[in-house]
């Protein structure tokens, strides 16, 4: 299901606060360990660390 987008602002220190509802929808919670990587064109992906690691083991790449 596609959810409504949420507009966020990147702070001067580069920090972004994610709404708790967005975290809950994605199966994340405060304190979750995630990997972040750019896929270009202004897009950044956040993946649970264990999922991203499994992607690398199975497919040899993150996407």
PDB file of N, CA and C in Angstrom:
ATOM      1  N   UNK A   1       0.842  -1.174   0.000  1.00  0.00           N
ATOM      2  CA  UNK A   1       0.000   0.000   0.000  1.00  0.00           C
ATOM      3  C   UNK A   1       0.891   1.242   0.000  1.00  0.00           C
ATOM      4  N   UNK A   2       0.574   2.213  -0.818  1.00  0.00           N
ATOM      5  CA  UNK A   2       1.325   3.462  -0.865  1.00  0.00           C
ATOM      6  C   UNK A   2       0.692   4.449   0.103  1.00  0.00           C
ATOM      7  N   UNK A   3       1.486   5.007   0.965  1.00  0.00           N
ATOM      8  CA  UNK A   3       1.009   5.963   1.970  1.00  0.00           C
ATOM      9  C   UNK A   3       1.201   7.381   1.465  1.00  0.00           C
ATOM     10  N   UNK A   4       0.563   8.303   2.146  1.00  0.00           N
ATOM     11  CA  UNK A   4       0.746   9.716   1.830  1.00  0.00           C
ATOM     12  C   UNK A   4       2.181  10.125   2.133  1.00  0.00           C
ATOM     13  N   UNK A   5       2.805  10.871   1.233  1.00  0.00           N
ATOM     14  CA  UNK A   5       4.163  11.339   1.523  1.00  0.00           C
ATOM     15  C   UNK A   5       4.155  12.369   2.651  1.00  0.00           C
ATOM     16  N   UNK A   6       5.277  12.451   3.333  1.00  0.00           N
ATOM     17  CA  UNK A   6       5.447  13.405   4.422  1.00  0.00           C
ATOM     18  C   UNK A   6       6.605  14.311   4.041  1.00  0.00           C
ATOM     19  N   UNK A   7       6.389  15.618   4.091  1.00  0.00           N
ATOM     20  CA  UNK A   7       7.468  16.555   3.785  1.00  0.00           C
ATOM     21  C   UNK A   7       8.322  16.752   5.026  1.00  0.00           C
ATOM     22  N   UNK A   8       9.627  16.583   4.872  1.00  0.00           N
ATOM     23  CA  UNK A   8      10.580  16.728   5.965  1.00  0.00           C
ATOM     24  C   UNK A   8      11.602  17.780   5.587  1.00  0.00           C
ATOM     25  N   UNK A   9      12.258  18.343   6.570  1.00  0.00           N
ATOM     26  CA  UNK A   9      13.304  19.329   6.331  1.00  0.00           C
ATOM     27  C   UNK A   9      14.617  18.804   6.903  1.00  0.00           C
ATOM     28  N   UNK A  10      15.667  18.933   6.122  1.00  0.00           N
ATOM     29  CA  UNK A  10      16.995  18.548   6.578  1.00  0.00           C
ATOM     30  C   UNK A  10      17.558  19.716   7.378  1.00  0.00           C
ATOM     31  N   UNK A  11      17.932  19.462   8.631  1.00  0.00           N
ATOM     32  CA  UNK A  11      18.457  20.503   9.504  1.00  0.00           C
ATOM     33  C   UNK A  11      19.865  20.924   9.099  1.00  0.00           C
ATOM     34  N   UNK A  12      20.324  21.998   9.682  1.00  0.00           N
ATOM     35  CA  UNK A  12      21.665  22.526   9.417  1.00  0.00           C
ATOM     36  C   UNK A  12      22.751  21.497   9.688  1.00  0.00           C
ATOM     37  N   UNK A  13      22.484  20.600  10.648  1.00  0.00           N
ATOM     38  CA  UNK A  13      23.458  19.560  10.994  1.00  0.00           C
ATOM     39  C   UNK A  13      23.288  18.296  10.148  1.00  0.00           C
ATOM     40  N   UNK A  14      22.341  18.335   9.192  1.00  0.00           N
ATOM     41  CA  UNK A  14      22.102  17.187   8.323  1.00  0.00           C
ATOM     42  C   UNK A  14      21.099  16.191   8.879  1.00  0.00           C
ATOM     43  N   UNK A  15      20.573  16.454  10.065  1.00  0.00           N
ATOM     44  CA  UNK A  15      19.637  15.525  10.694  1.00  0.00           C
ATOM     45  C   UNK A  15      18.237  15.668  10.100  1.00  0.00           C
ATOM     46  N   UNK A  16      17.532  14.535  10.049  1.00  0.00           N
ATOM     47  CA  UNK A  16      16.140  14.490   9.608  1.00  0.00           C
ATOM     48  C   UNK A  16      15.362  13.709  10.651  1.00  0.00           C
ATOM     49  N   UNK A  17      14.248  14.257  11.112  1.00  0.00           N
ATOM     50  CA  UNK A  17      13.392  13.545  12.060  1.00  0.00           C
ATOM     51  C   UNK A  17      12.283  12.863  11.286  1.00  0.00           C
ATOM     52  N   UNK A  18      12.139  11.552  11.488  1.00  0.00           N
ATOM     53  CA  UNK A  18      11.104  10.774  10.818  1.00  0.00           C
ATOM     54  C   UNK A  18       9.907  10.618  11.748  1.00  0.00           C
ATOM     55  N   UNK A  19       8.703  10.889  11.249  1.00  0.00           N
ATOM     56  CA  UNK A  19       7.511  10.740  12.092  1.00  0.00           C
ATOM     57  C   UNK A  19       7.343   9.295  12.553  1.00  0.00           C
ATOM     58  N   UNK A  20       6.867   9.122  13.773  1.00  0.00           N
ATOM     59  CA  UNK A  20       6.714   7.791  14.357  1.00  0.00           C
ATOM     60  C   UNK A  20       5.782   6.923  13.510  1.00  0.00           C
ATOM     61  N   UNK A  21       4.758   7.506  12.902  1.00  0.00           N
ATOM     62  CA  UNK A  21       3.850   6.746  12.055  1.00  0.00           C
ATOM     63  C   UNK A  21       4.555   6.165  10.843  1.00  0.00           C
ATOM     64  N   UNK A  22       5.459   6.943  10.264  1.00  0.00           N
ATOM     65  CA  UNK A  22       6.231   6.476   9.115  1.00  0.00           C
ATOM     66  C   UNK A  22       7.136   5.313   9.523  1.00  0.00           C
ATOM     67  N   UNK A  23       7.753   5.442  10.689  1.00  0.00           N
ATOM     68  CA  UNK A  23       8.583   4.350  11.199  1.00  0.00           C
ATOM     69  C   UNK A  23       7.748   3.097  11.424  1.00  0.00           C
ATOM     70  N   UNK A  24       6.599   3.258  12.057  1.00  0.00           N
ATOM     71  CA  UNK A  24       5.745   2.112  12.356  1.00  0.00           C
ATOM     72  C   UNK A  24       5.292   1.409  11.075  1.00  0.00           C
ATOM     73  N   UNK A  25       4.912   2.179  10.053  1.00  0.00           N
ATOM     74  CA  UNK A  25       4.470   1.590   8.786  1.00  0.00           C
ATOM     75  C   UNK A  25       5.571   0.771   8.130  1.00  0.00           C
ATOM     76  N   UNK A  26       6.824   1.179   8.351  1.00  0.00           N
ATOM     77  CA  UNK A  26       7.940   0.482   7.716  1.00  0.00           C
ATOM     78  C   UNK A  26       8.520  -0.627   8.600  1.00  0.00           C
ATOM     79  N   UNK A  27       7.942  -0.814   9.773  1.00  0.00           N
ATOM     80  CA  UNK A  27       8.427  -1.855  10.668  1.00  0.00           C
ATOM     81  C   UNK A  27       9.651  -1.445  11.466  1.00  0.00           C
ATOM     82  N   UNK A  28       9.905  -0.157  11.539  1.00  0.00           N
ATOM     83  CA  UNK A  28      11.033   0.367  12.311  1.00  0.00           C
ATOM     84  C   UNK A  28      10.519   1.047  13.572  1.00  0.00           C
ATOM     85  N   UNK A  29      11.414   1.265  14.513  1.00  0.00           N
ATOM     86  CA  UNK A  29      11.059   1.976  15.740  1.00  0.00           C
ATOM     87  C   UNK A  29      12.266   2.785  16.181  1.00  0.00           C
ATOM     88  N   UNK A  30      12.049   3.764  17.061  1.00  0.00           N
ATOM     89  CA  UNK A  30      13.198   4.512  17.560  1.00  0.00           C
ATOM     90  C   UNK A  30      14.240   3.544  18.122  1.00  0.00           C
ATOM     91  N   UNK A  31      15.486   3.753  17.757  1.00  0.00           N
ATOM     92  CA  UNK A  31      16.565   2.884  18.201  1.00  0.00           C
ATOM     93  C   UNK A  31      16.903   1.779  17.212  1.00  0.00           C
ATOM     94  N   UNK A  32      16.086   1.615  16.154  1.00  0.00           N
ATOM     95  CA  UNK A  32      16.390   0.601  15.131  1.00  0.00           C
ATOM     96  C   UNK A  32      17.696   0.949  14.441  1.00  0.00           C
ATOM     97  N   UNK A  33      18.453  -0.066  14.090  1.00  0.00           N
ATOM     98  CA  UNK A  33      19.697   0.128  13.355  1.00  0.00           C
ATOM     99  C   UNK A  33      19.398   0.016  11.868  1.00  0.00           C
ATOM    100  N   UNK A  34      19.731   1.066  11.104  1.00  0.00           N
ATOM    101  CA  UNK A  34      19.476   1.081   9.664  1.00  0.00           C
ATOM    102  C   UNK A  34      20.745   1.451   8.909  1.00  0.00           C
ATOM    103  N   UNK A  35      20.801   1.027   7.653  1.00  0.00           N
ATOM    104  CA  UNK A  35      21.847   1.462   6.734  1.00  0.00           C
ATOM    105  C   UNK A  35      21.212   2.447   5.774  1.00  0.00           C
ATOM    106  N   UNK A  36      21.919   3.511   5.456  1.00  0.00           N
ATOM    107  CA  UNK A  36      21.436   4.511   4.511  1.00  0.00           C
ATOM    108  C   UNK A  36      22.393   4.558   3.340  1.00  0.00           C
ATOM    109  N   UNK A  37      21.827   4.623   2.130  1.00  0.00           N
ATOM    110  CA  UNK A  37      22.663   4.762   0.944  1.00  0.00           C
ATOM    111  C   UNK A  37      21.897   5.526  -0.127  1.00  0.00           C
ATOM    112  N   UNK A  38      22.629   6.214  -0.962  1.00  0.00           N
ATOM    113  CA  UNK A  38      22.043   6.985  -2.049  1.00  0.00           C
ATOM    114  C   UNK A  38      21.865   6.104  -3.276  1.00  0.00           C
ATOM    115  N   UNK A  39      20.731   6.271  -3.954  1.00  0.00           N
ATOM    116  CA  UNK A  39      20.533   5.594  -5.235  1.00  0.00           C
ATOM    117  C   UNK A  39      20.420   6.634  -6.353  1.00  0.00           C
ATOM    118  N   UNK A  40      20.950   7.833  -6.068  1.00  0.00           N
ATOM    119  CA  UNK A  40      21.012   8.890  -7.067  1.00  0.00           C
ATOM    120  C   UNK A  40      19.713   9.659  -7.201  1.00  0.00           C
ATOM    121  N   UNK A  41      19.753  10.684  -8.030  1.00  0.00           N
ATOM    122  CA  UNK A  41      18.584  11.512  -8.331  1.00  0.00           C
ATOM    123  C   UNK A  41      17.848  12.001  -7.091  1.00  0.00           C
ATOM    124  N   UNK A  42      18.591  12.346  -6.047  1.00  0.00           N
ATOM    125  CA  UNK A  42      17.972  12.874  -4.841  1.00  0.00           C
ATOM    126  C   UNK A  42      17.275  11.840  -3.974  1.00  0.00           C
ATOM    127  N   UNK A  43      17.574  10.563  -4.184  1.00  0.00           N
ATOM    128  CA  UNK A  43      16.915   9.506  -3.412  1.00  0.00           C
ATOM    129  C   UNK A  43      17.899   8.858  -2.449  1.00  0.00           C
ATOM    130  N   UNK A  44      17.427   8.667  -1.217  1.00  0.00           N
ATOM    131  CA  UNK A  44      18.191   7.985  -0.179  1.00  0.00           C
ATOM    132  C   UNK A  44      17.324   6.848   0.340  1.00  0.00           C
ATOM    133  N   UNK A  45      17.908   5.677   0.482  1.00  0.00           N
ATOM    134  CA  UNK A  45      17.198   4.499   0.975  1.00  0.00           C
ATOM    135  C   UNK A  45      17.657   4.214   2.393  1.00  0.00           C
ATOM    136  N   UNK A  46      16.712   3.915   3.269  1.00  0.00           N
ATOM    137  CA  UNK A  46      17.001   3.420   4.612  1.00  0.00           C
ATOM    138  C   UNK A  46      16.533   1.974   4.668  1.00  0.00           C
ATOM    139  N   UNK A  47      17.413   1.069   5.077  1.00  0.00           N
ATOM    140  CA  UNK A  47      17.069  -0.353   5.204  1.00  0.00           C
ATOM    141  C   UNK A  47      17.465  -0.828   6.594  1.00  0.00           C
ATOM    142  N   UNK A  48      16.605  -1.675   7.176  1.00  0.00           N
ATOM    143  CA  UNK A  48      17.010  -2.314   8.429  1.00  0.00           C
ATOM    144  C   UNK A  48      18.355  -2.970   8.198  1.00  0.00           C
ATOM    145  N   UNK A  49      19.247  -2.840   9.148  1.00  0.00           N
ATOM    146  CA  UNK A  49      20.603  -3.361   8.976  1.00  0.00           C
ATOM    147  C   UNK A  49      20.595  -4.847   8.617  1.00  0.00           C
ATOM    148  N   UNK A  50      19.785  -5.643   9.312  1.00  0.00           N
ATOM    149  CA  UNK A  50      19.773  -7.078   9.030  1.00  0.00           C
ATOM    150  C   UNK A  50      19.230  -7.376   7.626  1.00  0.00           C
ATOM    151  N   UNK A  51      18.266  -6.587   7.147  1.00  0.00           N
ATOM    152  CA  UNK A  51      17.729  -6.793   5.796  1.00  0.00           C
ATOM    153  C   UNK A  51      18.758  -6.418   4.739  1.00  0.00           C
ATOM    154  N   UNK A  52      19.429  -5.296   4.938  1.00  0.00           N
ATOM    155  CA  UNK A  52      20.440  -4.852   3.975  1.00  0.00           C
ATOM    156  C   UNK A  52      21.599  -5.838   3.924  1.00  0.00           C
ATOM    157  N   UNK A  53      22.002  -6.344   5.072  1.00  0.00           N
ATOM    158  CA  UNK A  53      23.084  -7.327   5.119  1.00  0.00           C
ATOM    159  C   UNK A  53      22.666  -8.596   4.386  1.00  0.00           C
ATOM    160  N   UNK A  54      21.439  -9.041   4.594  1.00  0.00           N
ATOM    161  CA  UNK A  54      20.937 -10.230   3.905  1.00  0.00           C
ATOM    162  C   UNK A  54      20.883  -9.988   2.398  1.00  0.00           C
ATOM    163  N   UNK A  55      20.480  -8.791   1.964  1.00  0.00           N
ATOM    164  CA  UNK A  55      20.476  -8.446   0.538  1.00  0.00           C
ATOM    165  C   UNK A  55      21.871  -8.603  -0.055  1.00  0.00           C
ATOM    166  N   UNK A  56      22.868  -8.123   0.665  1.00  0.00           N
ATOM    167  CA  UNK A  56      24.245  -8.223   0.179  1.00  0.00           C
ATOM    168  C   UNK A  56      24.695  -9.675   0.068  1.00  0.00           C
ATOM    169  N   UNK A  57      24.323 -10.487   1.038  1.00  0.00           N
ATOM    170  CA  UNK A  57      24.712 -11.897   1.022  1.00  0.00           C
ATOM    171  C   UNK A  57      24.033 -12.623  -0.146  1.00  0.00           C
ATOM    172  N   UNK A  58      22.735 -12.389  -0.332  1.00  0.00           N
ATOM    173  CA  UNK A  58      21.972 -13.108  -1.357  1.00  0.00           C
ATOM    174  C   UNK A  58      22.201 -12.585  -2.760  1.00  0.00           C
ATOM    175  N   UNK A  59      22.269 -11.258  -2.905  1.00  0.00           N
ATOM    176  CA  UNK A  59      22.268 -10.674  -4.237  1.00  0.00           C
ATOM    177  C   UNK A  59      23.545  -9.932  -4.580  1.00  0.00           C
ATOM    178  N   UNK A  60      24.401  -9.709  -3.592  1.00  0.00           N
ATOM    179  CA  UNK A  60      25.646  -9.019  -3.841  1.00  0.00           C
ATOM    180  C   UNK A  60      25.507  -7.529  -4.082  1.00  0.00           C
ATOM    181  N   UNK A  61      24.332  -6.995  -3.721  1.00  0.00           N
ATOM    182  CA  UNK A  61      24.139  -5.560  -3.908  1.00  0.00           C
ATOM    183  C   UNK A  61      22.966  -5.091  -3.045  1.00  0.00           C
ATOM    184  N   UNK A  62      22.853  -3.771  -2.898  1.00  0.00           N
ATOM    185  CA  UNK A  62      21.739  -3.176  -2.160  1.00  0.00           C
ATOM    186  C   UNK A  62      20.840  -2.460  -3.155  1.00  0.00           C
ATOM    187  N   UNK A  63      19.593  -2.842  -3.243  1.00  0.00           N
ATOM    188  CA  UNK A  63      18.600  -2.090  -4.031  1.00  0.00           C
ATOM    189  C   UNK A  63      17.194  -2.499  -3.706  1.00  0.00           C
TER     190      UNK A  63
END
